[in-house]
């Protein structure tokens, strides 16, 4: 089991009705790269969140309490919390 920290950016666009539709997640090499990408995407997306999480890539097991690096706009739970 190889635990590593991954840095991800998840963006959201309009879905049906008032729902948000998740775009494909973007994997970044560093926390700073994730912040920069999320900041750039925030101008053109309804919502964007960048976060870091511990993960076992082989099992696809991700930490349930990610560290939020950047967030903007409309986000679904649990990212919508303050």
N, C-alpha and C. Protein backbone atom coordinates (compact mmCIF):
# COMPACT_ATOMS: atom_id res chain seq x y z
N UNK A 1 0.85 -1.17 0.00
CA UNK A 1 0.00 0.00 0.00
C UNK A 1 0.89 1.23 0.00
N UNK A 2 0.81 2.03 -1.07
CA UNK A 2 1.64 3.22 -1.20
C UNK A 2 0.78 4.48 -1.04
N UNK A 3 0.85 5.07 0.15
CA UNK A 3 0.08 6.28 0.42
C UNK A 3 0.88 7.47 -0.09
N UNK A 4 0.22 8.34 -0.85
CA UNK A 4 0.86 9.54 -1.36
C UNK A 4 -0.14 10.69 -1.30
N UNK A 5 0.36 11.91 -1.37
CA UNK A 5 -0.51 13.08 -1.40
C UNK A 5 -0.76 13.47 -2.84
N UNK A 6 -2.03 13.63 -3.18
CA UNK A 6 -2.41 14.05 -4.53
C UNK A 6 -3.04 15.44 -4.44
N UNK A 7 -2.84 16.22 -5.50
CA UNK A 7 -3.37 17.58 -5.58
C UNK A 7 -4.33 17.61 -6.76
N UNK A 8 -5.59 17.95 -6.50
CA UNK A 8 -6.62 17.85 -7.50
C UNK A 8 -7.38 19.16 -7.66
N UNK A 9 -7.89 19.38 -8.87
CA UNK A 9 -8.78 20.51 -9.15
C UNK A 9 -10.06 19.93 -9.72
N UNK A 10 -11.19 20.30 -9.11
CA UNK A 10 -12.50 19.88 -9.58
C UNK A 10 -13.30 21.13 -9.94
N UNK A 11 -13.78 21.19 -11.17
CA UNK A 11 -14.59 22.33 -11.58
C UNK A 11 -16.00 21.88 -11.90
N UNK A 12 -16.93 22.84 -11.84
CA UNK A 12 -18.35 22.55 -12.04
C UNK A 12 -18.95 23.54 -13.04
N UNK A 13 -19.84 23.01 -13.88
CA UNK A 13 -20.58 23.82 -14.84
C UNK A 13 -22.06 23.58 -14.60
N UNK A 14 -22.90 24.30 -15.33
CA UNK A 14 -24.34 24.15 -15.17
C UNK A 14 -24.79 22.78 -15.66
N UNK A 15 -25.63 22.15 -14.87
CA UNK A 15 -26.25 20.88 -15.25
C UNK A 15 -27.72 21.12 -15.53
N UNK A 16 -28.53 20.11 -15.38
CA UNK A 16 -29.97 20.26 -15.59
C UNK A 16 -30.58 21.04 -14.44
N UNK A 17 -31.47 21.96 -14.77
CA UNK A 17 -32.10 22.77 -13.73
C UNK A 17 -31.06 23.60 -13.00
N UNK A 18 -31.06 23.47 -11.68
CA UNK A 18 -30.09 24.22 -10.86
C UNK A 18 -28.91 23.35 -10.43
N UNK A 19 -28.86 22.13 -10.97
CA UNK A 19 -27.81 21.19 -10.58
C UNK A 19 -26.45 21.60 -11.16
N UNK A 20 -25.41 21.22 -10.46
CA UNK A 20 -24.04 21.41 -10.93
C UNK A 20 -23.57 20.12 -11.58
N UNK A 21 -22.80 20.26 -12.66
CA UNK A 21 -22.24 19.10 -13.34
C UNK A 21 -20.72 19.15 -13.18
N UNK A 22 -20.16 18.09 -12.63
CA UNK A 22 -18.71 18.02 -12.42
C UNK A 22 -18.00 17.76 -13.74
N UNK A 23 -16.95 18.52 -13.98
CA UNK A 23 -16.08 18.26 -15.13
C UNK A 23 -15.02 17.25 -14.69
N UNK A 24 -14.29 16.68 -15.63
CA UNK A 24 -13.23 15.73 -15.24
C UNK A 24 -12.23 16.38 -14.28
N UNK A 25 -11.81 15.63 -13.28
CA UNK A 25 -10.85 16.14 -12.31
C UNK A 25 -9.49 16.32 -12.97
N UNK A 26 -8.75 17.33 -12.53
CA UNK A 26 -7.40 17.60 -13.05
C UNK A 26 -6.41 17.28 -11.93
N UNK A 27 -5.44 16.42 -12.23
CA UNK A 27 -4.40 16.06 -11.28
C UNK A 27 -3.21 16.98 -11.48
N UNK A 28 -2.72 17.56 -10.39
CA UNK A 28 -1.60 18.51 -10.47
C UNK A 28 -0.38 17.95 -9.74
N UNK A 29 0.78 18.48 -10.10
CA UNK A 29 2.04 17.99 -9.51
C UNK A 29 2.32 18.59 -8.13
N UNK A 30 1.71 19.75 -7.83
CA UNK A 30 1.96 20.41 -6.55
C UNK A 30 0.70 21.16 -6.09
N UNK A 31 0.70 21.51 -4.83
CA UNK A 31 -0.41 22.29 -4.29
C UNK A 31 -0.48 23.65 -4.97
N UNK A 32 0.65 24.26 -5.22
CA UNK A 32 0.68 25.58 -5.87
C UNK A 32 0.12 25.50 -7.29
N UNK A 33 0.47 24.48 -8.04
CA UNK A 33 -0.07 24.31 -9.38
C UNK A 33 -1.59 24.16 -9.32
N UNK A 34 -2.09 23.41 -8.35
CA UNK A 34 -3.54 23.22 -8.20
C UNK A 34 -4.22 24.55 -7.91
N UNK A 35 -3.63 25.37 -7.02
CA UNK A 35 -4.20 26.70 -6.72
C UNK A 35 -4.25 27.56 -7.97
N UNK A 36 -3.17 27.59 -8.72
CA UNK A 36 -3.12 28.43 -9.94
C UNK A 36 -4.16 28.00 -10.96
N UNK A 37 -4.27 26.71 -11.21
CA UNK A 37 -5.25 26.21 -12.19
C UNK A 37 -6.67 26.52 -11.74
N UNK A 38 -6.94 26.31 -10.45
CA UNK A 38 -8.28 26.59 -9.94
C UNK A 38 -8.60 28.08 -10.06
N UNK A 39 -7.65 28.92 -9.76
CA UNK A 39 -7.86 30.37 -9.86
C UNK A 39 -8.17 30.76 -11.30
N UNK A 40 -7.44 30.22 -12.27
CA UNK A 40 -7.70 30.52 -13.69
C UNK A 40 -9.07 30.03 -14.12
N UNK A 41 -9.45 28.83 -13.69
CA UNK A 41 -10.75 28.27 -14.07
C UNK A 41 -11.92 29.00 -13.42
N UNK A 42 -11.69 29.66 -12.29
CA UNK A 42 -12.78 30.30 -11.56
C UNK A 42 -13.46 31.41 -12.36
N UNK A 43 -12.79 31.96 -13.36
CA UNK A 43 -13.39 33.02 -14.18
C UNK A 43 -14.42 32.47 -15.17
N UNK A 44 -14.34 31.19 -15.49
CA UNK A 44 -15.20 30.62 -16.54
C UNK A 44 -16.07 29.46 -16.08
N UNK A 45 -16.04 29.11 -14.81
CA UNK A 45 -16.82 27.99 -14.29
C UNK A 45 -17.73 28.48 -13.18
N UNK A 46 -18.83 27.77 -12.95
CA UNK A 46 -19.74 28.12 -11.85
C UNK A 46 -19.09 27.90 -10.50
N UNK A 47 -18.24 26.91 -10.40
CA UNK A 47 -17.55 26.61 -9.16
C UNK A 47 -16.27 25.85 -9.42
N UNK A 48 -15.29 26.08 -8.56
CA UNK A 48 -13.99 25.40 -8.67
C UNK A 48 -13.45 25.17 -7.26
N UNK A 49 -12.88 24.01 -7.05
CA UNK A 49 -12.20 23.72 -5.80
C UNK A 49 -10.89 23.00 -6.10
N UNK A 50 -9.84 23.41 -5.40
CA UNK A 50 -8.55 22.72 -5.46
C UNK A 50 -8.30 22.15 -4.07
N UNK A 51 -7.85 20.92 -4.02
CA UNK A 51 -7.61 20.31 -2.72
C UNK A 51 -6.51 19.26 -2.80
N UNK A 52 -5.95 18.96 -1.63
CA UNK A 52 -4.94 17.91 -1.49
C UNK A 52 -5.52 16.83 -0.60
N UNK A 53 -5.22 15.59 -0.95
CA UNK A 53 -5.70 14.46 -0.15
C UNK A 53 -4.67 13.35 -0.16
N UNK A 54 -4.66 12.57 0.91
CA UNK A 54 -3.83 11.38 0.95
C UNK A 54 -4.58 10.29 0.20
N UNK A 55 -3.86 9.50 -0.56
CA UNK A 55 -4.53 8.47 -1.36
C UNK A 55 -3.64 7.27 -1.54
N UNK A 56 -4.29 6.14 -1.69
CA UNK A 56 -3.63 4.92 -2.11
C UNK A 56 -4.06 4.73 -3.56
N UNK A 57 -3.20 5.14 -4.49
CA UNK A 57 -3.54 5.13 -5.91
C UNK A 57 -3.88 3.73 -6.42
N UNK A 58 -3.23 2.72 -5.89
CA UNK A 58 -3.48 1.35 -6.35
C UNK A 58 -4.90 0.90 -6.03
N UNK A 59 -5.40 1.30 -4.86
CA UNK A 59 -6.73 0.88 -4.43
C UNK A 59 -7.81 1.91 -4.78
N UNK A 60 -7.39 3.14 -5.15
CA UNK A 60 -8.36 4.20 -5.42
C UNK A 60 -9.00 4.70 -4.14
N UNK A 61 -8.30 4.59 -3.02
CA UNK A 61 -8.82 4.98 -1.72
C UNK A 61 -8.31 6.37 -1.36
N UNK A 62 -9.23 7.34 -1.24
CA UNK A 62 -8.86 8.72 -0.95
C UNK A 62 -9.29 9.13 0.45
N UNK A 63 -8.51 10.01 1.06
CA UNK A 63 -8.80 10.57 2.38
C UNK A 63 -10.17 11.26 2.34
N UNK A 64 -10.97 11.06 3.36
CA UNK A 64 -12.29 11.67 3.41
C UNK A 64 -12.24 13.12 3.88
N UNK A 65 -11.11 13.59 4.36
CA UNK A 65 -10.97 14.97 4.85
C UNK A 65 -9.85 15.68 4.09
N UNK A 66 -10.13 16.09 2.85
CA UNK A 66 -9.08 16.74 2.07
C UNK A 66 -8.75 18.14 2.62
N UNK A 67 -7.58 18.61 2.29
CA UNK A 67 -7.16 19.97 2.64
C UNK A 67 -7.55 20.87 1.48
N UNK A 68 -8.42 21.84 1.73
CA UNK A 68 -8.87 22.77 0.69
C UNK A 68 -7.78 23.80 0.44
N UNK A 69 -7.37 23.93 -0.81
CA UNK A 69 -6.33 24.89 -1.20
C UNK A 69 -6.93 26.16 -1.80
N UNK A 70 -8.08 26.00 -2.48
CA UNK A 70 -8.74 27.12 -3.14
C UNK A 70 -10.18 26.72 -3.41
N UNK A 71 -11.12 27.65 -3.23
CA UNK A 71 -12.48 27.38 -3.67
C UNK A 71 -13.15 28.68 -4.06
N UNK A 72 -14.05 28.56 -5.04
CA UNK A 72 -14.71 29.73 -5.57
C UNK A 72 -16.04 29.33 -6.18
N UNK A 73 -17.05 30.17 -6.03
CA UNK A 73 -18.33 29.95 -6.69
C UNK A 73 -19.22 28.93 -6.02
N UNK A 74 -20.12 28.36 -6.81
CA UNK A 74 -21.10 27.39 -6.32
C UNK A 74 -20.45 26.01 -6.28
N UNK A 75 -20.55 25.37 -5.12
CA UNK A 75 -19.95 24.05 -4.94
C UNK A 75 -20.92 23.11 -4.24
N UNK A 76 -20.86 21.82 -4.55
CA UNK A 76 -21.72 20.85 -3.87
C UNK A 76 -21.11 20.46 -2.52
N UNK A 77 -21.90 19.81 -1.66
CA UNK A 77 -21.33 19.30 -0.40
C UNK A 77 -20.24 18.29 -0.71
N UNK A 78 -19.22 18.16 0.07
CA UNK A 78 -18.93 18.90 1.29
C UNK A 78 -18.14 20.18 1.04
N UNK A 79 -17.87 20.50 -0.21
CA UNK A 79 -17.05 21.68 -0.51
C UNK A 79 -17.77 23.00 -0.28
N UNK A 80 -19.10 22.99 -0.14
CA UNK A 80 -19.87 24.22 0.03
C UNK A 80 -19.82 24.75 1.46
N UNK A 81 -19.25 23.99 2.38
CA UNK A 81 -19.16 24.44 3.76
C UNK A 81 -18.10 25.52 3.88
N UNK A 82 -18.27 26.41 4.86
CA UNK A 82 -17.38 27.56 5.03
C UNK A 82 -15.98 27.22 5.34
